Amino acid sequence: MNTGEMIHMLRKNKGMSQLELAKNITTRRSIGEVEHGYKDLPYTTMIKIIQRLGISLSNFEEYRQGHQFSADQALINEFESISDTSEVKKMKSILKKARQLEEKSTLRYIHYIICVLDALIHVDTYNCDQLTNLVKPVWNELSTVSVWKRA
């Protein structure tokens, strides 16, 4: 799959328009030209586009070369792409996928993703105690970490 096809597919999977993807990086027209194979963007611009799509450069290249993401990796990529709590529809979709994967997943912390998504979806409708109970398993795990390092 070429780079333009990858950009198009990832953008569509994220539910983004060309204008949303291009915002403050390049023009909508440039995104369209890249997707149709008419144009290549400078490397630094492509890095920003790939980051906006919520995927690492190495994963982008691996996927572009024909390797499929595992269901776990695809779930993590979607989860990491949530920008704020207004994306309820997107969060519900990811939560549904997470629950379907929970039994067969090799992802160690999938149940934590489920807790966090559930809390984010209900942040405006549940009281503080209810939200605390939803994220308690995550908090308990995080509170055992003795040293936090920057990546």
N, C-alpha and C. Protein backbone atom coordinates (compact mmCIF):
# COMPACT_ATOMS: atom_id res chain seq x y z
N MET A 1 0.86 -1.18 0.00
CA MET A 1 0.00 0.00 0.00
C MET A 1 0.90 1.23 0.00
N ASN A 2 0.59 2.21 -0.85
CA ASN A 2 1.42 3.40 -0.88
C ASN A 2 1.04 4.36 0.26
N THR A 3 1.88 5.36 0.45
CA THR A 3 1.70 6.30 1.56
C THR A 3 0.35 7.01 1.49
N GLY A 4 -0.03 7.46 0.30
CA GLY A 4 -1.30 8.16 0.15
C GLY A 4 -2.50 7.30 0.50
N GLU A 5 -2.46 6.05 0.07
CA GLU A 5 -3.54 5.13 0.40
C GLU A 5 -3.61 4.89 1.91
N MET A 6 -2.45 4.80 2.53
CA MET A 6 -2.40 4.62 3.99
C MET A 6 -3.01 5.82 4.71
N ILE A 7 -2.61 7.01 4.28
CA ILE A 7 -3.14 8.24 4.90
C ILE A 7 -4.66 8.26 4.74
N HIS A 8 -5.13 7.96 3.54
CA HIS A 8 -6.57 7.96 3.27
C HIS A 8 -7.29 6.95 4.17
N MET A 9 -6.78 5.73 4.24
CA MET A 9 -7.43 4.69 5.03
C MET A 9 -7.45 5.05 6.51
N LEU A 10 -6.31 5.50 7.04
CA LEU A 10 -6.25 5.86 8.46
C LEU A 10 -7.16 7.04 8.77
N ARG A 11 -7.17 8.02 7.88
CA ARG A 11 -8.03 9.20 8.08
C ARG A 11 -9.49 8.79 8.12
N LYS A 12 -9.90 7.95 7.18
CA LYS A 12 -11.29 7.48 7.13
C LYS A 12 -11.62 6.66 8.38
N ASN A 13 -10.69 5.80 8.81
CA ASN A 13 -10.92 4.99 10.01
C ASN A 13 -11.08 5.85 11.25
N LYS A 14 -10.44 7.00 11.27
CA LYS A 14 -10.54 7.92 12.41
C LYS A 14 -11.76 8.83 12.29
N GLY A 15 -12.44 8.76 11.15
CA GLY A 15 -13.61 9.61 10.94
C GLY A 15 -13.25 11.07 10.73
N MET A 16 -12.06 11.32 10.19
CA MET A 16 -11.58 12.69 9.99
C MET A 16 -11.80 13.13 8.55
N SER A 17 -12.04 14.40 8.38
CA SER A 17 -12.10 14.97 7.04
C SER A 17 -10.67 15.36 6.64
N GLN A 18 -10.48 15.63 5.36
CA GLN A 18 -9.17 16.10 4.91
C GLN A 18 -8.82 17.43 5.58
N LEU A 19 -9.82 18.26 5.75
CA LEU A 19 -9.61 19.56 6.38
C LEU A 19 -9.16 19.40 7.84
N GLU A 20 -9.79 18.48 8.57
CA GLU A 20 -9.40 18.23 9.97
C GLU A 20 -7.97 17.71 10.06
N LEU A 21 -7.62 16.82 9.15
CA LEU A 21 -6.27 16.27 9.15
C LEU A 21 -5.23 17.34 8.81
N ALA A 22 -5.57 18.22 7.91
CA ALA A 22 -4.62 19.23 7.44
C ALA A 22 -4.46 20.42 8.39
N LYS A 23 -5.44 20.66 9.23
CA LYS A 23 -5.50 21.88 10.05
C LYS A 23 -4.17 22.20 10.74
N ASN A 24 -3.66 23.39 10.49
CA ASN A 24 -2.43 23.93 11.06
C ASN A 24 -1.17 23.13 10.68
N ILE A 25 -1.29 22.25 9.69
CA ILE A 25 -0.13 21.48 9.22
C ILE A 25 0.13 21.78 7.75
N THR A 26 -0.91 21.63 6.94
CA THR A 26 -0.81 21.84 5.49
C THR A 26 -2.20 22.22 4.99
N THR A 27 -2.43 22.11 3.71
CA THR A 27 -3.75 22.45 3.17
C THR A 27 -4.57 21.19 2.92
N ARG A 28 -5.87 21.37 2.88
CA ARG A 28 -6.76 20.25 2.55
C ARG A 28 -6.44 19.73 1.17
N ARG A 29 -6.14 20.63 0.27
CA ARG A 29 -5.80 20.24 -1.11
C ARG A 29 -4.56 19.35 -1.13
N SER A 30 -3.57 19.69 -0.32
CA SER A 30 -2.35 18.88 -0.26
C SER A 30 -2.65 17.47 0.24
N ILE A 31 -3.53 17.36 1.23
CA ILE A 31 -3.91 16.04 1.73
C ILE A 31 -4.56 15.24 0.60
N GLY A 32 -5.47 15.86 -0.12
CA GLY A 32 -6.12 15.19 -1.25
C GLY A 32 -5.12 14.75 -2.31
N GLU A 33 -4.15 15.61 -2.61
CA GLU A 33 -3.14 15.27 -3.61
C GLU A 33 -2.26 14.11 -3.15
N VAL A 34 -1.94 14.08 -1.87
CA VAL A 34 -1.15 12.97 -1.32
C VAL A 34 -1.96 11.68 -1.39
N GLU A 35 -3.21 11.74 -0.96
CA GLU A 35 -4.07 10.54 -0.97
C GLU A 35 -4.25 9.97 -2.37
N HIS A 36 -4.24 10.82 -3.37
CA HIS A 36 -4.41 10.35 -4.75
C HIS A 36 -3.08 10.07 -5.44
N GLY A 37 -1.98 10.22 -4.71
CA GLY A 37 -0.67 9.90 -5.26
C GLY A 37 -0.08 10.94 -6.19
N TYR A 38 -0.63 12.16 -6.16
CA TYR A 38 -0.16 13.21 -7.04
C TYR A 38 0.99 14.01 -6.43
N LYS A 39 1.17 13.87 -5.13
CA LYS A 39 2.11 14.75 -4.44
C LYS A 39 2.71 14.03 -3.23
N ASP A 40 3.95 14.37 -2.93
CA ASP A 40 4.59 13.95 -1.69
C ASP A 40 4.78 15.18 -0.82
N LEU A 41 4.62 15.02 0.47
CA LEU A 41 4.82 16.13 1.40
C LEU A 41 6.22 16.05 2.00
N PRO A 42 6.74 17.18 2.46
CA PRO A 42 8.04 17.14 3.15
C PRO A 42 7.97 16.20 4.36
N TYR A 43 9.10 15.62 4.70
CA TYR A 43 9.19 14.64 5.78
C TYR A 43 8.59 15.17 7.08
N THR A 44 8.94 16.38 7.47
CA THR A 44 8.45 16.93 8.75
C THR A 44 6.93 17.10 8.74
N THR A 45 6.39 17.43 7.59
CA THR A 45 4.94 17.56 7.46
C THR A 45 4.28 16.18 7.57
N MET A 46 4.87 15.20 6.93
CA MET A 46 4.33 13.83 7.01
C MET A 46 4.35 13.33 8.45
N ILE A 47 5.39 13.62 9.18
CA ILE A 47 5.47 13.20 10.59
C ILE A 47 4.29 13.79 11.36
N LYS A 48 4.01 15.07 11.16
CA LYS A 48 2.89 15.71 11.84
C LYS A 48 1.55 15.09 11.44
N ILE A 49 1.40 14.77 10.17
CA ILE A 49 0.16 14.14 9.68
C ILE A 49 -0.01 12.77 10.33
N ILE A 50 1.05 11.99 10.36
CA ILE A 50 1.00 10.65 10.95
C ILE A 50 0.69 10.74 12.43
N GLN A 51 1.30 11.70 13.14
CA GLN A 51 1.00 11.88 14.56
C GLN A 51 -0.45 12.26 14.77
N ARG A 52 -0.98 13.13 13.94
CA ARG A 52 -2.38 13.53 14.06
C ARG A 52 -3.31 12.33 13.86
N LEU A 53 -2.87 11.39 13.06
CA LEU A 53 -3.66 10.17 12.84
C LEU A 53 -3.57 9.22 14.02
N GLY A 54 -2.75 9.56 15.01
CA GLY A 54 -2.68 8.77 16.24
C GLY A 54 -1.90 7.48 16.10
N ILE A 55 -0.87 7.50 15.29
CA ILE A 55 -0.09 6.29 15.05
C ILE A 55 1.39 6.66 15.07
N SER A 56 2.22 5.75 15.53
CA SER A 56 3.66 6.02 15.54
C SER A 56 4.21 5.86 14.12
N LEU A 57 5.33 6.48 13.86
CA LEU A 57 5.94 6.38 12.54
C LEU A 57 6.31 4.93 12.23
N SER A 58 6.83 4.21 13.22
CA SER A 58 7.21 2.81 12.97
C SER A 58 5.98 1.96 12.67
N ASN A 59 4.89 2.18 13.40
CA ASN A 59 3.66 1.43 13.11
C ASN A 59 3.10 1.80 11.74
N PHE A 60 3.19 3.07 11.38
CA PHE A 60 2.72 3.51 10.07
C PHE A 60 3.48 2.78 8.98
N GLU A 61 4.80 2.74 9.09
CA GLU A 61 5.63 2.08 8.08
C GLU A 61 5.38 0.58 8.04
N GLU A 62 5.26 -0.02 9.21
CA GLU A 62 5.00 -1.45 9.26
C GLU A 62 3.67 -1.77 8.59
N TYR A 63 2.67 -0.99 8.90
CA TYR A 63 1.34 -1.20 8.32
C TYR A 63 1.35 -0.94 6.82
N ARG A 64 2.07 0.10 6.42
CA ARG A 64 2.16 0.45 5.00
C ARG A 64 2.81 -0.67 4.20
N GLN A 65 3.73 -1.37 4.85
CA GLN A 65 4.43 -2.47 4.19
C GLN A 65 3.60 -3.75 4.14
N GLY A 66 2.38 -3.69 4.63
CA GLY A 66 1.49 -4.83 4.51
C GLY A 66 1.27 -5.63 5.76
N HIS A 67 1.89 -5.22 6.85
CA HIS A 67 1.69 -5.94 8.10
C HIS A 67 0.41 -5.43 8.76
N GLN A 68 -0.37 -6.32 9.27
CA GLN A 68 -1.62 -5.95 9.91
C GLN A 68 -1.39 -5.71 11.40
N PHE A 69 -2.05 -4.72 11.94
CA PHE A 69 -2.03 -4.52 13.38
C PHE A 69 -2.80 -5.65 14.03
N SER A 70 -2.34 -6.06 15.18
CA SER A 70 -3.14 -6.99 15.96
C SER A 70 -4.37 -6.21 16.44
N ALA A 71 -5.40 -6.93 16.82
CA ALA A 71 -6.60 -6.27 17.34
C ALA A 71 -6.25 -5.45 18.57
N ASP A 72 -5.33 -5.97 19.40
CA ASP A 72 -4.89 -5.24 20.60
C ASP A 72 -4.24 -3.91 20.23
N GLN A 73 -3.31 -3.95 19.27
CA GLN A 73 -2.60 -2.74 18.86
C GLN A 73 -3.55 -1.74 18.24
N ALA A 74 -4.47 -2.21 17.43
CA ALA A 74 -5.47 -1.32 16.82
C ALA A 74 -6.30 -0.65 17.91
N LEU A 75 -6.67 -1.40 18.94
CA LEU A 75 -7.45 -0.85 20.05
C LEU A 75 -6.65 0.24 20.78
N ILE A 76 -5.39 -0.04 21.05
CA ILE A 76 -4.54 0.95 21.73
C ILE A 76 -4.42 2.21 20.89
N ASN A 77 -4.21 2.06 19.59
CA ASN A 77 -4.10 3.23 18.72
C ASN A 77 -5.37 4.07 18.75
N GLU A 78 -6.51 3.41 18.73
CA GLU A 78 -7.77 4.15 18.81
C GLU A 78 -7.93 4.83 20.16
N PHE A 79 -7.60 4.12 21.22
CA PHE A 79 -7.71 4.67 22.58
C PHE A 79 -6.81 5.90 22.73
N GLU A 80 -5.60 5.81 22.22
CA GLU A 80 -4.65 6.92 22.33
C GLU A 80 -5.06 8.12 21.49
N SER A 81 -5.94 7.91 20.51
CA SER A 81 -6.33 9.01 19.64
C SER A 81 -7.50 9.84 20.18
N ILE A 82 -8.07 9.44 21.31
CA ILE A 82 -9.17 10.21 21.91
C ILE A 82 -8.61 11.55 22.36
N SER A 83 -9.23 12.62 21.91
CA SER A 83 -8.69 13.94 22.25
C SER A 83 -9.37 14.58 23.46
N ASP A 84 -10.65 14.30 23.67
CA ASP A 84 -11.33 14.85 24.84
C ASP A 84 -12.63 14.10 25.09
N THR A 85 -13.31 14.47 26.16
CA THR A 85 -14.51 13.73 26.58
C THR A 85 -15.73 14.02 25.71
N SER A 86 -15.59 14.90 24.72
CA SER A 86 -16.73 15.16 23.83
C SER A 86 -16.86 14.07 22.76
N GLU A 87 -15.88 13.21 22.65
CA GLU A 87 -15.89 12.16 21.63
C GLU A 87 -16.59 10.89 22.14
N VAL A 88 -17.79 11.06 22.66
CA VAL A 88 -18.51 9.96 23.30
C VAL A 88 -18.79 8.83 22.32
N LYS A 89 -19.22 9.15 21.12
CA LYS A 89 -19.51 8.11 20.12
C LYS A 89 -18.26 7.27 19.86
N LYS A 90 -17.14 7.93 19.69
CA LYS A 90 -15.87 7.24 19.45
C LYS A 90 -15.49 6.38 20.65
N MET A 91 -15.65 6.92 21.86
CA MET A 91 -15.31 6.18 23.07
C MET A 91 -16.19 4.94 23.22
N LYS A 92 -17.48 5.08 22.91
CA LYS A 92 -18.39 3.93 23.00
C LYS A 92 -17.99 2.84 22.00
N SER A 93 -17.58 3.25 20.83
CA SER A 93 -17.13 2.28 19.82
C SER A 93 -15.88 1.54 20.30
N ILE A 94 -14.93 2.27 20.85
CA ILE A 94 -13.70 1.65 21.36
C ILE A 94 -14.02 0.75 22.55
N LEU A 95 -14.91 1.19 23.42
CA LEU A 95 -15.31 0.39 24.58
C LEU A 95 -15.93 -0.94 24.13
N LYS A 96 -16.77 -0.88 23.12
CA LYS A 96 -17.39 -2.10 22.61
C LYS A 96 -16.32 -3.07 22.09
N LYS A 97 -15.35 -2.54 21.35
CA LYS A 97 -14.27 -3.38 20.83
C LYS A 97 -13.43 -3.95 21.98
N ALA A 98 -13.17 -3.12 22.99
CA ALA A 98 -12.37 -3.58 24.13
C ALA A 98 -13.07 -4.72 24.86
N ARG A 99 -14.36 -4.59 25.05
CA ARG A 99 -15.12 -5.65 25.74
C ARG A 99 -15.14 -6.94 24.92
N GLN A 100 -15.19 -6.80 23.61
CA GLN A 100 -15.16 -7.99 22.75
C GLN A 100 -13.79 -8.67 22.80
N LEU A 101 -12.74 -7.87 22.95
CA LEU A 101 -11.38 -8.41 22.98
C LEU A 101 -10.95 -8.91 24.35
N GLU A 102 -11.64 -8.49 25.39
CA GLU A 102 -11.19 -8.73 26.76
C GLU A 102 -10.86 -10.20 27.04
N GLU A 103 -11.69 -11.12 26.61
CA GLU A 103 -11.48 -12.54 26.92
C GLU A 103 -10.29 -13.14 26.17
N LYS A 104 -10.09 -12.73 24.93
CA LYS A 104 -9.06 -13.35 24.12
C LYS A 104 -7.81 -12.48 23.93
N SER A 105 -7.81 -11.31 24.52
CA SER A 105 -6.71 -10.37 24.32
C SER A 105 -5.43 -10.80 25.03
N THR A 106 -4.33 -10.46 24.41
CA THR A 106 -3.02 -10.64 25.06
C THR A 106 -2.59 -9.34 25.74
N LEU A 107 -3.37 -8.31 25.59
CA LEU A 107 -3.08 -7.01 26.18
C LEU A 107 -3.28 -7.09 27.69
N ARG A 108 -2.23 -6.86 28.43
CA ARG A 108 -2.24 -7.04 29.88
C ARG A 108 -3.25 -6.14 30.59
N TYR A 109 -3.38 -4.93 30.12
CA TYR A 109 -4.19 -3.95 30.84
C TYR A 109 -5.49 -3.59 30.13
N ILE A 110 -6.04 -4.47 29.33
CA ILE A 110 -7.26 -4.14 28.60
C ILE A 110 -8.39 -3.78 29.55
N HIS A 111 -8.44 -4.42 30.71
CA HIS A 111 -9.53 -4.11 31.65
C HIS A 111 -9.39 -2.69 32.20
N TYR A 112 -8.16 -2.15 32.23
CA TYR A 112 -7.98 -0.77 32.66
C TYR A 112 -8.49 0.20 31.60
N ILE A 113 -8.27 -0.14 30.34
CA ILE A 113 -8.79 0.70 29.25
C ILE A 113 -10.32 0.73 29.34
N ILE A 114 -10.92 -0.39 29.64
CA ILE A 114 -12.38 -0.47 29.78
C ILE A 114 -12.84 0.42 30.94
N CYS A 115 -12.15 0.37 32.08
CA CYS A 115 -12.51 1.21 33.24
C CYS A 115 -12.44 2.69 32.89
N VAL A 116 -11.34 3.08 32.25
CA VAL A 116 -11.15 4.50 31.91
C VAL A 116 -12.19 4.96 30.90
N LEU A 117 -12.43 4.17 29.88
CA LEU A 117 -13.44 4.54 28.88
C LEU A 117 -14.82 4.66 29.51
N ASP A 118 -15.17 3.72 30.36
CA ASP A 118 -16.47 3.76 31.03
C ASP A 118 -16.61 5.05 31.85
N ALA A 119 -15.55 5.41 32.55
CA ALA A 119 -15.59 6.65 33.34
C ALA A 119 -15.68 7.88 32.44
N LEU A 120 -14.92 7.90 31.37
CA LEU A 120 -14.95 9.06 30.47
C LEU A 120 -16.33 9.23 29.83
N ILE A 121 -16.94 8.13 29.46
CA ILE A 121 -18.27 8.19 28.84
C ILE A 121 -19.30 8.75 29.82
N HIS A 122 -19.12 8.44 31.11
CA HIS A 122 -20.12 8.84 32.11
C HIS A 122 -19.70 10.04 32.96
N VAL A 123 -18.66 10.74 32.54
CA VAL A 123 -18.13 11.83 33.36
C VAL A 123 -19.19 12.92 33.63
N ASP A 124 -20.11 13.10 32.73
CA ASP A 124 -21.13 14.14 32.92
C ASP A 124 -22.41 13.63 33.59
N THR A 125 -22.54 12.31 33.74
CA THR A 125 -23.78 11.77 34.28
C THR A 125 -23.61 11.05 35.62
N TYR A 126 -22.42 10.63 35.96
CA TYR A 126 -22.19 9.95 37.23
C TYR A 126 -21.64 10.94 38.25
N ASN A 127 -21.90 10.65 39.52
CA ASN A 127 -21.33 11.50 40.56
C ASN A 127 -19.88 11.07 40.83
N CYS A 128 -19.22 11.82 41.65
CA CYS A 128 -17.79 11.59 41.92
C CYS A 128 -17.52 10.19 42.48
N ASP A 129 -18.36 9.73 43.39
CA ASP A 129 -18.16 8.39 43.96
C ASP A 129 -18.31 7.29 42.91
N GLN A 130 -19.28 7.44 42.04
CA GLN A 130 -19.47 6.44 40.99
C GLN A 130 -18.26 6.40 40.04
N LEU A 131 -17.79 7.59 39.68
CA LEU A 131 -16.61 7.66 38.79
C LEU A 131 -15.37 7.10 39.48
N THR A 132 -15.23 7.40 40.77
CA THR A 132 -14.10 6.88 41.53
C THR A 132 -14.11 5.36 41.54
N ASN A 133 -15.28 4.77 41.73
CA ASN A 133 -15.39 3.31 41.73
C ASN A 133 -15.03 2.71 40.37
N LEU A 134 -15.37 3.41 39.29
CA LEU A 134 -15.04 2.91 37.96
C LEU A 134 -13.54 2.87 37.72
N VAL A 135 -12.83 3.89 38.19
CA VAL A 135 -11.39 3.96 37.90
C VAL A 135 -10.52 3.42 39.04
N LYS A 136 -11.14 2.96 40.10
CA LYS A 136 -10.38 2.46 41.26
C LYS A 136 -9.34 1.40 40.89
N PRO A 137 -9.66 0.40 40.04
CA PRO A 137 -8.64 -0.58 39.69
C PRO A 137 -7.40 0.04 39.02
N VAL A 138 -7.64 1.05 38.19
CA VAL A 138 -6.53 1.74 37.52
C VAL A 138 -5.72 2.51 38.55
N TRP A 139 -6.40 3.25 39.42
CA TRP A 139 -5.73 4.03 40.44
C TRP A 139 -4.91 3.14 41.37
N ASN A 140 -5.46 2.01 41.76
CA ASN A 140 -4.74 1.09 42.64
C ASN A 140 -3.45 0.61 41.98
N GLU A 141 -3.50 0.32 40.70
CA GLU A 141 -2.29 -0.12 39.97
C GLU A 141 -1.27 1.02 39.87
N LEU A 142 -1.74 2.20 39.51
CA LEU A 142 -0.83 3.33 39.36
C LEU A 142 -0.20 3.74 40.68
N SER A 143 -0.91 3.60 41.76
CA SER A 143 -0.38 4.02 43.06
C SER A 143 0.73 3.10 43.56
N THR A 144 0.88 1.94 42.94
CA THR A 144 1.97 1.03 43.35
C THR A 144 3.28 1.34 42.64
N VAL A 145 3.25 2.20 41.63
CA VAL A 145 4.46 2.55 40.91
C VAL A 145 5.28 3.49 41.77
N SER A 146 6.50 3.07 42.09
CA SER A 146 7.32 3.86 43.02
C SER A 146 8.10 4.96 42.31
N VAL A 147 8.43 4.78 41.05
CA VAL A 147 9.22 5.79 40.33
C VAL A 147 8.57 6.03 38.96
N TRP A 148 8.31 7.28 38.66
CA TRP A 148 7.77 7.64 37.37
C TRP A 148 8.89 8.25 36.54
N LYS A 149 9.04 7.79 35.34
CA LYS A 149 10.07 8.29 34.45
C LYS A 149 9.44 8.87 33.21
N ARG A 150 10.10 9.87 32.66
CA ARG A 150 9.64 10.43 31.40
C ARG A 150 10.18 9.58 30.26
N ALA A 151 9.33 9.37 29.28
CA ALA A 151 9.77 8.58 28.11
C ALA A 151 10.63 9.38 27.18
